[in-house]
Amino acid sequence: MQAVALDEQGLTPDEIAEVLDRSKRAVEKWLHLAREHGVEALRAKPHAGATPRLTVAQREDLRERLLAGARAAGYDTELWTRPRVRELIQKEYGVTYHVCYLSDLLRDLGFSCQKPQRRPRERNQAVVDGWVARDWPRIKKRRVAARPTSCSSMKAVCC
């Protein structure tokens, strides 16, 4: 659009290219398009992509269901996995997604991959800390001081 405006002011394609910091060939292409099809031909065109399988309302509903938790959806634990999410989408909306794509969908919905820490439920941190302070120094191997050795494997160093 700026190239067309500068062309109307009487600048040459070389001058327009220099002002806009573009190649002369690009400027000539833009001016040709504007003359042949009008200035509207220079407007940016949205890239067509695949139509989303879930509507905006379905995506929002899915987000709310995920936030409600896996137990609310009928699972034994609160852990959401991609196969579980896939099953939920298929059951509720009749749409099938490949498990590998669900990471992108979940990220678009504002979720991130999080792995629960593996700790036994019976763990008592106070007992663990006491053991580390009391017993670990006694059990831990001590580093043996290095002794000088000879270059020859058959002779000991005399000091």
Protein backbone atom coordinates (compact mmCIF):
# COMPACT_ATOMS: atom_id res chain seq x y z
CA MET A 1 0.00 0.00 0.00
CA GLN A 2 2.88 2.35 0.80
CA ALA A 3 4.50 1.47 -2.54
CA VAL A 4 1.30 2.44 -4.39
CA ALA A 5 1.08 5.73 -2.46
CA LEU A 6 4.71 6.54 -3.29
CA ASP A 7 4.12 5.59 -6.95
CA GLU A 8 1.21 8.05 -7.08
CA GLN A 9 3.59 10.74 -5.79
CA GLY A 10 5.78 10.12 -8.83
CA LEU A 11 8.65 8.10 -7.35
CA THR A 12 10.32 5.47 -9.52
CA PRO A 13 10.37 1.79 -8.52
CA ASP A 14 14.08 2.14 -7.65
CA GLU A 15 13.34 5.04 -5.29
CA ILE A 16 10.36 3.25 -3.75
CA ALA A 17 12.48 0.15 -3.16
CA GLU A 18 15.11 2.24 -1.41
CA VAL A 19 12.59 4.08 0.77
CA LEU A 20 10.80 0.86 1.80
CA ASP A 21 14.04 -1.15 2.07
CA ARG A 22 12.72 -3.77 -0.35
CA SER A 23 13.90 -5.12 -3.70
CA LYS A 24 13.01 -3.36 -6.93
CA ARG A 25 11.45 -6.59 -8.19
CA ALA A 26 9.08 -6.77 -5.19
CA VAL A 27 8.01 -3.15 -5.72
CA GLU A 28 7.37 -3.78 -9.43
CA LYS A 29 5.29 -6.85 -8.54
CA TRP A 30 3.18 -4.86 -6.06
CA LEU A 31 2.60 -2.03 -8.51
CA HIS A 32 1.63 -4.49 -11.26
CA LEU A 33 -0.86 -6.23 -8.94
CA ALA A 34 -2.38 -2.89 -7.92
CA ARG A 35 -2.79 -1.81 -11.57
CA GLU A 36 -4.27 -5.13 -12.69
CA HIS A 37 -6.52 -5.99 -9.74
CA GLY A 38 -6.75 -2.87 -7.62
CA VAL A 39 -5.21 -1.92 -4.31
CA GLU A 40 -7.35 -4.51 -2.49
CA ALA A 41 -5.27 -7.25 -4.14
CA LEU A 42 -2.35 -6.16 -1.95
CA ARG A 43 -4.17 -6.74 1.33
CA ALA A 44 -2.96 -9.63 3.47
CA LYS A 45 -5.01 -12.75 3.02
CA PRO A 46 -5.69 -15.10 5.90
CA HIS A 47 -4.16 -18.52 5.53
CA ALA A 48 -6.74 -21.22 5.27
CA GLY A 49 -6.20 -24.01 7.73
CA ALA A 50 -8.08 -27.11 8.67
CA THR A 51 -11.49 -26.47 10.18
CA PRO A 52 -11.32 -27.13 13.92
CA ARG A 53 -13.01 -30.37 14.91
CA LEU A 54 -14.37 -28.88 18.13
CA THR A 55 -16.40 -25.68 18.12
CA VAL A 56 -15.44 -22.80 20.38
CA ALA A 57 -18.27 -23.75 22.75
CA GLN A 58 -17.14 -27.40 22.82
CA ARG A 59 -13.56 -26.36 23.54
CA GLU A 60 -14.72 -24.20 26.45
CA ASP A 61 -16.88 -27.05 27.75
CA LEU A 62 -13.91 -29.43 27.46
CA ARG A 63 -11.74 -26.98 29.39
CA GLU A 64 -14.34 -26.83 32.18
CA ARG A 65 -14.60 -30.63 32.29
CA LEU A 66 -10.82 -30.96 32.54
CA LEU A 67 -10.71 -28.41 35.35
CA ALA A 68 -13.44 -30.32 37.20
CA GLY A 69 -11.05 -33.26 37.40
CA ALA A 70 -10.78 -36.79 36.13
CA ARG A 71 -12.84 -38.20 38.99
CA ALA A 72 -15.77 -35.98 37.99
CA ALA A 73 -15.49 -37.56 34.53
CA GLY A 74 -15.73 -41.06 36.03
CA TYR A 75 -12.08 -42.09 36.41
CA ASP A 76 -10.54 -43.67 39.52
CA THR A 77 -7.78 -41.07 39.95
CA GLU A 78 -7.39 -37.34 39.32
CA LEU A 79 -4.67 -37.91 36.74
CA TRP A 80 -5.51 -36.71 33.22
CA THR A 81 -3.63 -38.58 30.51
CA ARG A 82 -3.88 -38.02 26.78
CA PRO A 83 -5.71 -41.33 26.25
CA ARG A 84 -8.23 -40.31 28.92
CA VAL A 85 -8.72 -36.89 27.32
CA ARG A 86 -9.15 -38.57 23.94
CA GLU A 87 -11.77 -40.92 25.40
CA LEU A 88 -13.62 -38.01 27.02
CA ILE A 89 -13.70 -36.03 23.75
CA GLN A 90 -14.91 -39.05 21.82
CA LYS A 91 -17.61 -39.86 24.37
CA GLU A 92 -18.88 -36.29 24.90
CA TYR A 93 -18.51 -34.71 21.45
CA GLY A 94 -18.26 -37.65 19.03
CA VAL A 95 -14.94 -36.36 17.71
CA THR A 96 -11.82 -38.52 17.38
CA TYR A 97 -8.34 -37.07 17.86
CA HIS A 98 -5.00 -38.83 17.56
CA VAL A 99 -3.36 -39.07 20.97
CA CYS A 100 -0.22 -37.27 19.72
CA TYR A 101 -2.22 -34.18 18.67
CA LEU A 102 -3.84 -33.77 22.07
CA SER A 103 -0.73 -32.08 23.50
CA ASP A 104 -1.30 -29.19 21.06
CA LEU A 105 -5.01 -29.02 21.84
CA LEU A 106 -4.41 -29.05 25.61
CA ARG A 107 -1.74 -26.35 25.29
CA ASP A 108 -4.20 -24.22 23.28
CA LEU A 109 -6.69 -24.65 26.12
CA GLY A 110 -4.11 -23.38 28.62
CA PHE A 111 -2.92 -26.67 30.09
CA SER A 112 0.67 -27.85 30.40
CA CYS A 113 2.17 -31.28 30.84
CA GLN A 114 2.85 -31.98 34.49
CA LYS A 115 4.06 -35.22 35.94
CA PRO A 116 3.22 -35.97 39.56
CA GLN A 117 6.14 -36.52 41.89
CA ARG A 118 6.66 -40.13 42.75
CA ARG A 119 6.70 -40.33 46.54
CA PRO A 120 5.25 -42.99 48.74
CA ARG A 121 2.20 -41.86 50.68
CA GLU A 122 3.75 -43.25 53.87
CA ARG A 123 6.87 -41.06 53.55
CA ASN A 124 7.70 -39.19 56.74
CA GLN A 125 10.05 -36.34 55.85
CA ALA A 126 11.12 -35.78 59.48
CA VAL A 127 12.33 -39.39 59.76
CA VAL A 128 14.17 -39.12 56.43
CA ASP A 129 15.88 -35.87 57.49
CA GLY A 130 16.93 -37.45 60.81
CA TRP A 131 18.41 -40.47 59.03
CA VAL A 132 20.35 -38.25 56.62
CA ALA A 133 21.76 -36.20 59.50
CA ARG A 134 22.51 -39.12 61.84
CA ASP A 135 23.30 -42.22 59.78
CA TRP A 136 24.36 -41.02 56.33
CA PRO A 137 27.70 -39.47 57.39
CA ARG A 138 28.61 -42.77 59.10
CA ILE A 139 27.69 -44.89 56.05
CA LYS A 140 28.99 -42.64 53.31
CA LYS A 141 32.29 -43.79 51.83
CA ARG A 142 35.14 -41.45 52.45
CA ARG A 143 37.48 -40.48 49.67
CA VAL A 144 40.91 -42.07 49.98
CA ALA A 145 43.77 -39.59 49.69
CA ALA A 146 45.68 -40.09 46.46
CA ARG A 147 49.21 -41.55 46.84
CA PRO A 148 51.97 -40.70 44.40
CA THR A 149 52.74 -43.53 42.03
CA SER A 150 55.63 -44.32 39.76
CA CYS A 151 55.48 -44.08 36.00
CA SER A 152 56.41 -47.73 35.94
CA SER A 153 53.73 -50.09 37.14
CA MET A 154 56.44 -52.36 38.61
CA LYS A 155 58.17 -49.90 40.90
CA ALA A 156 56.85 -48.09 43.94
CA VAL A 157 57.82 -44.53 44.55
CA CYS A 158 60.45 -43.99 47.18
CA CYS A 159 59.90 -40.97 49.29
